[in-house]
Amino acid sequence: MVAVDETNLGIDTVERTNVCAIVALFCALTGLFIPALVFGAIGYVETGGRDYETGSGIAVAALILGAIELAAVVVTGAIVLVSMH
């Protein structure tokens, strides 16, 4: 039996940016923090396991922006509820 090294078969793959990371950043920039967090997490996990995909930094940026937006909504909601009393 001949062992075949499947890691380098001479096939060149083009690096591309992960689509979920791009969608996450778009959602974060437009204020859709829940999809930004979901797609950011998916994009970050996918870029970690694929050698031919980039975009982990974009996914992290989307996660950070989404978390900041979520915190701002929660704090604003708490302030509104307290001020209504």
N, C-alpha and C. Protein backbone atom coordinates (compact mmCIF):
# COMPACT_ATOMS: atom_id res chain seq x y z
N MET A 1 0.85 -1.17 0.00
CA MET A 1 0.00 0.00 0.00
C MET A 1 0.89 1.23 0.00
N VAL A 2 0.57 2.19 -0.85
CA VAL A 2 1.36 3.42 -0.98
C VAL A 2 0.66 4.51 -0.19
N ALA A 3 1.41 5.17 0.66
CA ALA A 3 0.86 6.29 1.43
C ALA A 3 0.89 7.55 0.58
N VAL A 4 -0.22 8.27 0.54
CA VAL A 4 -0.31 9.50 -0.24
C VAL A 4 -0.44 10.67 0.71
N ASP A 5 0.42 11.66 0.51
CA ASP A 5 0.36 12.88 1.31
C ASP A 5 -0.71 13.79 0.71
N GLU A 6 -1.87 13.86 1.36
CA GLU A 6 -2.98 14.64 0.82
C GLU A 6 -2.86 16.13 1.12
N THR A 7 -1.89 16.53 1.91
CA THR A 7 -1.78 17.93 2.26
C THR A 7 -1.21 18.77 1.13
N ASN A 8 -0.39 18.17 0.28
CA ASN A 8 0.20 18.94 -0.81
C ASN A 8 0.11 18.12 -2.09
N LEU A 9 -0.99 18.28 -2.80
CA LEU A 9 -1.19 17.55 -4.03
C LEU A 9 -0.85 18.39 -5.25
N GLY A 10 -0.24 19.54 -5.04
CA GLY A 10 0.13 20.40 -6.15
C GLY A 10 -1.01 21.27 -6.64
N ILE A 11 -2.10 21.29 -5.90
CA ILE A 11 -3.25 22.11 -6.28
C ILE A 11 -3.16 23.44 -5.54
N ASP A 12 -3.12 24.52 -6.30
CA ASP A 12 -3.07 25.84 -5.68
C ASP A 12 -4.48 26.33 -5.40
N THR A 13 -4.71 26.74 -4.18
CA THR A 13 -6.01 27.31 -3.83
C THR A 13 -5.83 28.80 -3.59
N VAL A 14 -6.80 29.55 -4.00
CA VAL A 14 -6.76 30.99 -3.84
C VAL A 14 -7.33 31.34 -2.47
N GLU A 15 -6.61 32.18 -1.73
CA GLU A 15 -7.14 32.62 -0.45
C GLU A 15 -8.30 33.57 -0.68
N ARG A 16 -9.32 33.41 0.14
CA ARG A 16 -10.47 34.28 0.03
C ARG A 16 -10.95 34.64 1.42
N THR A 17 -11.70 35.72 1.49
CA THR A 17 -12.23 36.17 2.76
C THR A 17 -13.53 35.43 3.06
N ASN A 18 -13.67 35.01 4.29
CA ASN A 18 -14.84 34.26 4.70
C ASN A 18 -16.10 35.11 4.56
N VAL A 19 -17.12 34.54 3.95
CA VAL A 19 -18.36 35.26 3.69
C VAL A 19 -19.10 35.58 4.99
N CYS A 20 -19.09 34.67 5.93
CA CYS A 20 -19.77 34.92 7.20
C CYS A 20 -19.13 36.08 7.96
N ALA A 21 -17.82 36.21 7.85
CA ALA A 21 -17.14 37.33 8.50
C ALA A 21 -17.55 38.65 7.86
N ILE A 22 -17.68 38.67 6.54
CA ILE A 22 -18.09 39.89 5.85
C ILE A 22 -19.52 40.26 6.21
N VAL A 23 -20.40 39.28 6.22
CA VAL A 23 -21.80 39.52 6.60
C VAL A 23 -21.88 40.01 8.04
N ALA A 24 -21.09 39.44 8.92
CA ALA A 24 -21.08 39.85 10.32
C ALA A 24 -20.66 41.30 10.47
N LEU A 25 -19.62 41.70 9.74
CA LEU A 25 -19.18 43.09 9.82
C LEU A 25 -20.23 44.03 9.27
N PHE A 26 -20.87 43.66 8.18
CA PHE A 26 -21.95 44.48 7.62
C PHE A 26 -23.09 44.64 8.63
N CYS A 27 -23.47 43.54 9.26
CA CYS A 27 -24.55 43.60 10.25
C CYS A 27 -24.16 44.46 11.45
N ALA A 28 -22.92 44.34 11.88
CA ALA A 28 -22.47 45.14 13.02
C ALA A 28 -22.45 46.63 12.68
N LEU A 29 -22.05 46.95 11.46
CA LEU A 29 -21.99 48.36 11.07
C LEU A 29 -23.37 48.96 10.85
N THR A 30 -24.36 48.14 10.55
CA THR A 30 -25.72 48.65 10.35
C THR A 30 -26.59 48.53 11.59
N GLY A 31 -26.03 48.04 12.69
CA GLY A 31 -26.77 48.00 13.95
C GLY A 31 -27.52 46.72 14.22
N LEU A 32 -27.35 45.72 13.39
CA LEU A 32 -28.01 44.43 13.61
C LEU A 32 -27.07 43.55 14.45
N PHE A 33 -27.12 43.75 15.77
CA PHE A 33 -26.10 43.13 16.62
C PHE A 33 -26.29 41.63 16.80
N ILE A 34 -27.51 41.13 16.78
CA ILE A 34 -27.71 39.69 16.97
C ILE A 34 -27.15 38.90 15.79
N PRO A 35 -27.49 39.26 14.53
CA PRO A 35 -26.85 38.54 13.42
C PRO A 35 -25.35 38.77 13.37
N ALA A 36 -24.90 39.94 13.81
CA ALA A 36 -23.45 40.21 13.83
C ALA A 36 -22.74 39.24 14.78
N LEU A 37 -23.34 38.99 15.93
CA LEU A 37 -22.72 38.06 16.88
C LEU A 37 -22.75 36.63 16.36
N VAL A 38 -23.86 36.25 15.74
CA VAL A 38 -23.99 34.88 15.23
C VAL A 38 -23.03 34.64 14.07
N PHE A 39 -23.09 35.53 13.05
CA PHE A 39 -22.22 35.34 11.89
C PHE A 39 -20.75 35.57 12.25
N GLY A 40 -20.48 36.45 13.21
CA GLY A 40 -19.11 36.66 13.64
C GLY A 40 -18.52 35.42 14.27
N ALA A 41 -19.31 34.76 15.10
CA ALA A 41 -18.83 33.53 15.73
C ALA A 41 -18.63 32.42 14.70
N ILE A 42 -19.57 32.31 13.77
CA ILE A 42 -19.44 31.29 12.72
C ILE A 42 -18.21 31.58 11.85
N GLY A 43 -18.05 32.84 11.47
CA GLY A 43 -16.90 33.21 10.64
C GLY A 43 -15.57 32.98 11.32
N TYR A 44 -15.52 33.27 12.61
CA TYR A 44 -14.27 33.06 13.35
C TYR A 44 -13.91 31.58 13.43
N VAL A 45 -14.90 30.75 13.68
CA VAL A 45 -14.65 29.31 13.77
C VAL A 45 -14.24 28.75 12.40
N GLU A 46 -14.93 29.20 11.35
CA GLU A 46 -14.63 28.69 10.02
C GLU A 46 -13.23 29.10 9.55
N THR A 47 -12.80 30.31 9.83
CA THR A 47 -11.48 30.73 9.38
C THR A 47 -10.37 30.04 10.16
N GLY A 48 -10.66 29.59 11.36
CA GLY A 48 -9.66 28.88 12.13
C GLY A 48 -9.37 27.50 11.59
N GLY A 49 -10.33 26.89 10.94
CA GLY A 49 -10.16 25.53 10.46
C GLY A 49 -9.80 25.41 8.99
N ARG A 50 -9.77 26.51 8.28
CA ARG A 50 -9.51 26.46 6.84
C ARG A 50 -8.26 27.27 6.52
N ASP A 51 -7.32 26.63 5.85
CA ASP A 51 -6.08 27.31 5.51
C ASP A 51 -6.24 28.31 4.39
N TYR A 52 -7.21 28.13 3.54
CA TYR A 52 -7.37 28.96 2.36
C TYR A 52 -8.32 30.14 2.59
N GLU A 53 -8.82 30.32 3.81
CA GLU A 53 -9.73 31.43 4.09
C GLU A 53 -9.12 32.37 5.10
N THR A 54 -9.32 33.65 4.84
CA THR A 54 -8.89 34.69 5.77
C THR A 54 -10.15 35.37 6.30
N GLY A 55 -9.96 36.27 7.23
CA GLY A 55 -11.09 37.05 7.75
C GLY A 55 -11.34 36.88 9.22
N SER A 56 -10.43 36.25 9.93
CA SER A 56 -10.66 36.08 11.37
C SER A 56 -10.65 37.43 12.07
N GLY A 57 -9.84 38.37 11.60
CA GLY A 57 -9.83 39.71 12.18
C GLY A 57 -11.13 40.44 11.94
N ILE A 58 -11.71 40.27 10.77
CA ILE A 58 -13.00 40.88 10.46
C ILE A 58 -14.08 40.29 11.36
N ALA A 59 -14.03 38.99 11.57
CA ALA A 59 -15.02 38.33 12.43
C ALA A 59 -14.89 38.81 13.87
N VAL A 60 -13.67 38.98 14.35
CA VAL A 60 -13.45 39.47 15.71
C VAL A 60 -13.95 40.90 15.85
N ALA A 61 -13.69 41.73 14.84
CA ALA A 61 -14.18 43.11 14.87
C ALA A 61 -15.70 43.14 14.91
N ALA A 62 -16.34 42.28 14.14
CA ALA A 62 -17.80 42.20 14.16
C ALA A 62 -18.32 41.73 15.51
N LEU A 63 -17.62 40.77 16.12
CA LEU A 63 -18.02 40.30 17.45
C LEU A 63 -17.91 41.41 18.49
N ILE A 64 -16.83 42.17 18.42
CA ILE A 64 -16.63 43.26 19.39
C ILE A 64 -17.69 44.34 19.19
N LEU A 65 -17.92 44.75 17.94
CA LEU A 65 -18.94 45.77 17.68
C LEU A 65 -20.32 45.28 18.07
N GLY A 66 -20.63 44.03 17.77
CA GLY A 66 -21.93 43.47 18.14
C GLY A 66 -22.11 43.43 19.65
N ALA A 67 -21.07 43.09 20.38
CA ALA A 67 -21.15 43.05 21.84
C ALA A 67 -21.33 44.45 22.42
N ILE A 68 -20.64 45.43 21.85
CA ILE A 68 -20.79 46.81 22.31
C ILE A 68 -22.22 47.30 22.04
N GLU A 69 -22.74 46.98 20.86
CA GLU A 69 -24.11 47.37 20.54
C GLU A 69 -25.12 46.70 21.47
N LEU A 70 -24.91 45.43 21.75
CA LEU A 70 -25.80 44.71 22.67
C LEU A 70 -25.76 45.35 24.06
N ALA A 71 -24.58 45.67 24.53
CA ALA A 71 -24.45 46.32 25.84
C ALA A 71 -25.13 47.69 25.84
N ALA A 72 -24.99 48.43 24.76
CA ALA A 72 -25.63 49.74 24.68
C ALA A 72 -27.15 49.62 24.71
N VAL A 73 -27.69 48.61 24.02
CA VAL A 73 -29.15 48.41 24.03
C VAL A 73 -29.63 48.01 25.41
N VAL A 74 -28.90 47.15 26.08
CA VAL A 74 -29.29 46.71 27.42
C VAL A 74 -29.24 47.88 28.40
N VAL A 75 -28.18 48.68 28.36
CA VAL A 75 -28.05 49.82 29.26
C VAL A 75 -29.13 50.85 28.97
N THR A 76 -29.38 51.12 27.69
CA THR A 76 -30.42 52.08 27.33
C THR A 76 -31.79 51.59 27.78
N GLY A 77 -32.06 50.31 27.59
CA GLY A 77 -33.33 49.76 28.05
C GLY A 77 -33.49 49.85 29.55
N ALA A 78 -32.43 49.59 30.28
CA ALA A 78 -32.48 49.69 31.75
C ALA A 78 -32.72 51.13 32.19
N ILE A 79 -32.07 52.07 31.54
CA ILE A 79 -32.26 53.49 31.89
C ILE A 79 -33.69 53.91 31.60
N VAL A 80 -34.22 53.49 30.47
CA VAL A 80 -35.61 53.85 30.13
C VAL A 80 -36.59 53.24 31.13
N LEU A 81 -36.37 51.98 31.48
CA LEU A 81 -37.28 51.34 32.44
C LEU A 81 -37.20 51.98 33.83
N VAL A 82 -36.02 52.37 34.25
CA VAL A 82 -35.87 53.00 35.55
C VAL A 82 -36.48 54.40 35.55
N SER A 83 -36.33 55.11 34.45
CA SER A 83 -36.85 56.48 34.40
C SER A 83 -38.38 56.52 34.28
N MET A 84 -38.99 55.43 33.87
CA MET A 84 -40.45 55.38 33.76
C MET A 84 -41.11 55.22 35.12
N HIS A 85 -40.38 54.84 36.10
CA HIS A 85 -40.95 54.58 37.44
C HIS A 85 -41.29 55.85 38.11
